[in-house]
């Protein structure tokens, strides 16, 4: 069995309150794969070749039929969703449901100045993601997220789960810090409480990933989320001793 892959999940609620799911992911080679089936069952799969119906058009078609975005989930090669609740949208969340963070990202591009600002933003995000992976190692989630964002295939909303690693949270915080006015980024807990890019104040968000501020300090400093500590030993060693 291969590792689970990230998909954008959409859900349709029937008149009898039963639900069915449709999920989609870009494969990075010009093709994309969709999955579908009743909520809670294994989802069938079909891969669409290049120059077929574009993924964005496919998504728009589903949304126009009433499918609602659930966010990003992981689906294994058997079609089983491994990181999302299979409950219909109108039911209350179970207290035992896996904790996660919610994100929204919207990019507004209307003229040349917007294009230039967004291009600079993308370049900054690539640089920041490189700093993050240098510290934490390669991340399939970050790779897929960046590919979708840079190619215009990114959903407007999704979820961050523990298995995606604290690198995903740090990337969003860093993006929030450098985002121009054309880019709107929002992070929140599952109870609706907002998350800022002031990492010192976000110990609860870090705890979702079983980590804390000191553990991520080096990369947080390199991303500009924390001011670098002054090494007092270096300061003192550069000073002459004076006696009066």
Protein backbone atom coordinates (compact mmCIF):
# COMPACT_ATOMS: atom_id res chain seq x y z
CA UNK A 1 0.00 0.00 0.00
CA UNK A 2 1.35 3.43 -0.91
CA UNK A 3 1.35 6.42 1.40
CA UNK A 4 -1.80 8.50 1.68
CA UNK A 5 -1.91 11.54 -0.61
CA UNK A 6 -3.41 14.97 -0.05
CA UNK A 7 -6.76 15.67 -1.75
CA UNK A 8 -9.23 18.57 -1.64
CA UNK A 9 -12.50 17.13 -0.37
CA UNK A 10 -16.01 18.28 -1.33
CA UNK A 11 -19.28 16.95 0.11
CA UNK A 12 -22.86 16.93 -1.15
CA UNK A 13 -25.85 16.56 1.17
CA UNK A 14 -28.87 14.77 -0.28
CA UNK A 15 -32.48 15.70 0.60
CA UNK A 16 -32.61 12.70 2.96
CA UNK A 17 -29.52 14.12 4.78
CA UNK A 18 -27.21 11.35 3.52
CA UNK A 19 -23.98 12.60 1.98
CA UNK A 20 -21.55 11.73 -0.76
CA UNK A 21 -17.96 12.85 -1.26
CA UNK A 22 -15.86 13.98 -4.19
CA UNK A 23 -12.12 14.62 -3.85
CA UNK A 24 -9.48 15.88 -6.26
CA UNK A 25 -5.71 16.35 -6.39
CA UNK A 26 -3.23 17.63 -8.97
CA UNK A 27 -0.55 15.02 -9.69
CA UNK A 28 2.21 17.43 -10.69
CA UNK A 29 2.54 16.11 -14.24
CA UNK A 30 -0.39 17.90 -15.85
CA UNK A 31 -2.88 15.21 -14.84
CA UNK A 32 -5.24 15.15 -11.91
CA UNK A 33 -7.11 12.44 -10.01
CA UNK A 34 -10.65 12.59 -8.67
CA UNK A 35 -12.29 10.22 -6.18
CA UNK A 36 -15.96 9.80 -5.35
CA UNK A 37 -18.41 7.74 -3.34
CA UNK A 38 -20.78 7.73 -0.39
CA UNK A 39 -19.41 9.35 2.74
CA UNK A 40 -17.68 6.78 4.91
CA UNK A 41 -17.01 4.31 2.09
CA UNK A 42 -13.90 3.71 0.00
CA UNK A 43 -13.77 6.24 -2.81
CA UNK A 44 -13.38 5.17 -6.42
CA UNK A 45 -10.67 6.89 -8.46
CA UNK A 46 -10.15 8.19 -11.99
CA UNK A 47 -7.15 10.04 -13.39
CA UNK A 48 -7.72 12.63 -16.10
CA UNK A 49 -5.08 12.99 -18.81
CA UNK A 50 -3.57 16.24 -20.00
CA UNK A 51 -5.75 18.53 -22.12
CA UNK A 52 -8.91 16.97 -20.74
CA UNK A 53 -11.43 18.86 -18.62
CA UNK A 54 -9.29 21.10 -16.40
CA UNK A 55 -9.28 20.51 -12.68
CA UNK A 56 -10.56 24.01 -11.90
CA UNK A 57 -13.46 23.56 -14.32
CA UNK A 58 -14.22 20.20 -12.76
CA UNK A 59 -14.28 21.77 -9.29
CA UNK A 60 -16.53 24.60 -10.47
CA UNK A 61 -18.90 22.05 -11.96
CA UNK A 62 -19.15 20.18 -8.66
CA UNK A 63 -19.61 23.37 -6.64
CA UNK A 64 -22.36 24.52 -8.99
CA UNK A 65 -24.16 21.23 -8.26
CA UNK A 66 -24.08 21.91 -4.54
CA UNK A 67 -20.88 20.30 -3.31
CA UNK A 68 -19.31 22.14 -0.35
CA UNK A 69 -15.60 22.36 0.36
CA UNK A 70 -14.54 20.37 3.43
CA UNK A 71 -10.83 21.13 3.12
CA UNK A 72 -7.70 19.10 2.52
CA UNK A 73 -7.60 15.46 3.60
CA UNK A 74 -5.36 12.42 3.16
CA UNK A 75 -6.65 9.47 1.12
CA UNK A 76 -4.79 6.16 0.77
CA UNK A 77 -4.57 4.07 -2.38
CA UNK A 78 -7.59 2.02 -1.26
CA UNK A 79 -9.72 5.17 -1.28
CA UNK A 80 -10.01 5.48 2.49
CA UNK A 81 -9.99 8.98 3.99
CA UNK A 82 -7.50 8.90 6.84
CA UNK A 83 -7.67 12.45 8.21
CA UNK A 84 -11.23 13.75 8.05
CA UNK A 85 -14.54 13.02 9.73
CA UNK A 86 -17.00 11.04 7.61
CA UNK A 87 -19.97 12.73 9.31
CA UNK A 88 -22.35 14.93 7.30
CA UNK A 89 -21.80 18.67 7.58
CA UNK A 90 -25.00 19.28 9.54
CA UNK A 91 -23.99 17.00 12.42
CA UNK A 92 -22.07 18.22 15.44
CA UNK A 93 -18.42 17.31 15.64
CA UNK A 94 -17.55 14.49 17.97
CA UNK A 95 -15.46 15.48 20.98
CA UNK A 96 -13.03 12.71 20.02
CA UNK A 97 -12.52 14.02 16.48
CA UNK A 98 -8.87 14.69 15.66
CA UNK A 99 -7.78 18.23 16.51
CA UNK A 100 -6.81 20.40 13.58
CA UNK A 101 -6.31 23.99 12.49
CA UNK A 102 -8.30 25.68 9.74
CA UNK A 103 -6.85 27.91 7.04
CA UNK A 104 -8.22 30.20 4.36
CA UNK A 105 -6.19 31.82 1.59
CA UNK A 106 -7.46 34.23 -1.03
CA UNK A 107 -5.41 35.90 -3.76
CA UNK A 108 -6.80 38.95 -5.56
CA UNK A 109 -5.22 39.75 -8.89
CA UNK A 110 -6.73 42.45 -11.13
CA UNK A 111 -3.85 44.41 -12.69
CA UNK A 112 -0.10 44.41 -13.33
CA UNK A 113 0.81 45.76 -9.91
CA UNK A 114 -1.11 42.88 -8.35
CA UNK A 115 0.77 40.41 -10.53
CA UNK A 116 4.11 41.86 -9.44
CA UNK A 117 3.19 41.84 -5.76
CA UNK A 118 1.92 38.26 -5.94
CA UNK A 119 5.06 37.19 -7.82
CA UNK A 120 7.21 38.64 -5.04
CA UNK A 121 5.03 36.89 -2.46
CA UNK A 122 5.44 33.55 -4.24
CA UNK A 123 9.22 34.04 -4.33
CA UNK A 124 9.24 34.79 -0.60
CA UNK A 125 7.13 31.71 0.14
CA UNK A 126 9.51 29.49 -1.83
CA UNK A 127 12.48 30.88 0.10
CA UNK A 128 10.70 30.38 3.44
CA UNK A 129 9.65 26.83 2.55
CA UNK A 130 13.29 26.06 1.75
CA UNK A 131 14.35 27.30 5.18
CA UNK A 132 11.66 25.15 6.79
CA UNK A 133 12.56 21.97 4.94
CA UNK A 134 16.26 22.58 5.66
CA UNK A 135 15.32 22.33 9.33
CA UNK A 136 12.61 19.65 9.33
CA UNK A 137 13.46 17.71 6.19
CA UNK A 138 11.35 17.22 3.02
CA UNK A 139 7.58 17.57 3.42
CA UNK A 140 5.16 16.01 0.95
CA UNK A 141 2.43 18.31 2.22
CA UNK A 142 4.50 21.47 1.64
CA UNK A 143 5.54 20.24 -1.80
CA UNK A 144 1.92 19.60 -2.82
CA UNK A 145 0.72 22.87 -1.28
CA UNK A 146 3.33 24.96 -3.11
CA UNK A 147 2.68 23.21 -6.41
CA UNK A 148 -1.05 23.86 -6.12
CA UNK A 149 -0.56 27.50 -5.11
CA UNK A 150 1.95 28.34 -7.83
CA UNK A 151 -0.16 26.66 -10.51
CA UNK A 152 -3.50 28.17 -9.47
CA UNK A 153 -4.95 24.87 -8.28
CA UNK A 154 -5.11 25.67 -4.58
CA UNK A 155 -8.43 25.49 -2.76
CA UNK A 156 -9.50 28.58 -0.81
CA UNK A 157 -9.64 26.68 2.48
CA UNK A 158 -8.31 23.59 4.20
CA UNK A 159 -7.13 22.00 7.43
CA UNK A 160 -3.76 21.38 9.07
CA UNK A 161 -3.46 18.06 10.88
CA UNK A 162 -0.82 16.81 13.29
CA UNK A 163 0.61 14.33 10.77
CA UNK A 164 1.42 17.22 8.39
CA UNK A 165 3.92 18.45 10.96
CA UNK A 166 4.58 21.79 12.60
CA UNK A 167 6.33 22.82 9.37
CA UNK A 168 2.88 23.42 7.87
CA UNK A 169 1.92 25.79 10.69
CA UNK A 170 5.23 27.68 10.47
CA UNK A 171 4.80 28.11 6.72
CA UNK A 172 1.35 29.66 7.18
CA UNK A 173 2.57 31.97 9.95
CA UNK A 174 5.47 33.08 7.77
CA UNK A 175 3.15 33.64 4.80
CA UNK A 176 0.88 35.77 6.98
CA UNK A 177 3.86 37.91 7.96
CA UNK A 178 4.95 38.70 4.39
CA UNK A 179 1.59 38.66 2.61
CA UNK A 180 0.88 41.78 0.51
CA UNK A 181 -2.55 43.40 0.46
CA UNK A 182 -3.52 41.23 -2.52
CA UNK A 183 -3.20 38.07 -0.40
CA UNK A 184 -5.55 37.33 2.50
CA UNK A 185 -4.51 34.52 4.86
CA UNK A 186 -6.45 33.39 7.90
CA UNK A 187 -5.71 30.70 10.49
CA UNK A 188 -7.95 29.54 13.32
CA UNK A 189 -8.50 26.75 15.83
CA UNK A 190 -11.40 24.35 15.46
CA UNK A 191 -13.28 26.46 18.04
CA UNK A 192 -13.00 29.54 15.80
CA UNK A 193 -10.29 31.34 17.79
CA UNK A 194 -7.92 33.16 15.43
CA UNK A 195 -4.22 32.33 15.17
CA UNK A 196 -1.75 35.17 14.55
CA UNK A 197 1.79 35.18 13.18
CA UNK A 198 3.05 36.15 16.65
CA UNK A 199 4.37 32.71 17.50
CA UNK A 200 5.10 33.61 21.15
CA UNK A 201 1.34 33.88 21.69
CA UNK A 202 0.43 30.66 19.90
CA UNK A 203 1.50 27.89 22.27
CA UNK A 204 -1.89 26.21 21.83
CA UNK A 205 -1.41 25.99 18.06
CA UNK A 206 2.09 24.54 18.55
CA UNK A 207 0.72 21.96 20.98
CA UNK A 208 -1.46 20.51 18.19
CA UNK A 209 1.83 19.28 16.70
CA UNK A 210 3.24 18.14 20.07
CA UNK A 211 5.89 20.85 20.14
CA UNK A 212 6.65 24.17 21.82
CA UNK A 213 8.32 27.51 21.17
CA UNK A 214 11.84 26.51 22.17
CA UNK A 215 11.76 23.46 19.92
CA UNK A 216 10.99 25.55 16.83
CA UNK A 217 12.98 28.64 17.84
CA UNK A 218 15.83 28.27 15.30
CA UNK A 219 13.57 28.07 12.26
CA UNK A 220 11.14 30.63 13.72
CA UNK A 221 14.04 33.07 14.05
CA UNK A 222 15.17 32.41 10.47
CA UNK A 223 11.61 33.09 9.25
CA UNK A 224 11.36 36.36 11.18
CA UNK A 225 8.66 35.02 13.48
CA UNK A 226 10.94 35.59 16.48
CA UNK A 227 13.68 38.09 17.14
CA UNK A 228 17.07 36.44 17.38
CA UNK A 229 18.46 36.14 20.89
CA UNK A 230 21.58 38.13 21.66
CA UNK A 231 24.48 35.91 22.69
CA UNK A 232 25.65 37.75 25.79
CA UNK A 233 28.86 35.71 25.93
CA UNK A 234 29.90 37.16 22.59
CA UNK A 235 29.02 40.66 23.70
CA UNK A 236 30.99 40.38 26.93
CA UNK A 237 34.02 38.84 25.24
CA UNK A 238 34.28 41.80 22.90
CA UNK A 239 34.46 44.29 25.73
CA UNK A 240 37.65 45.29 27.51
CA UNK A 241 37.70 45.10 31.27
CA UNK A 242 38.12 48.48 32.93
CA UNK A 243 38.87 49.08 36.57
CA UNK A 244 38.55 52.43 38.24
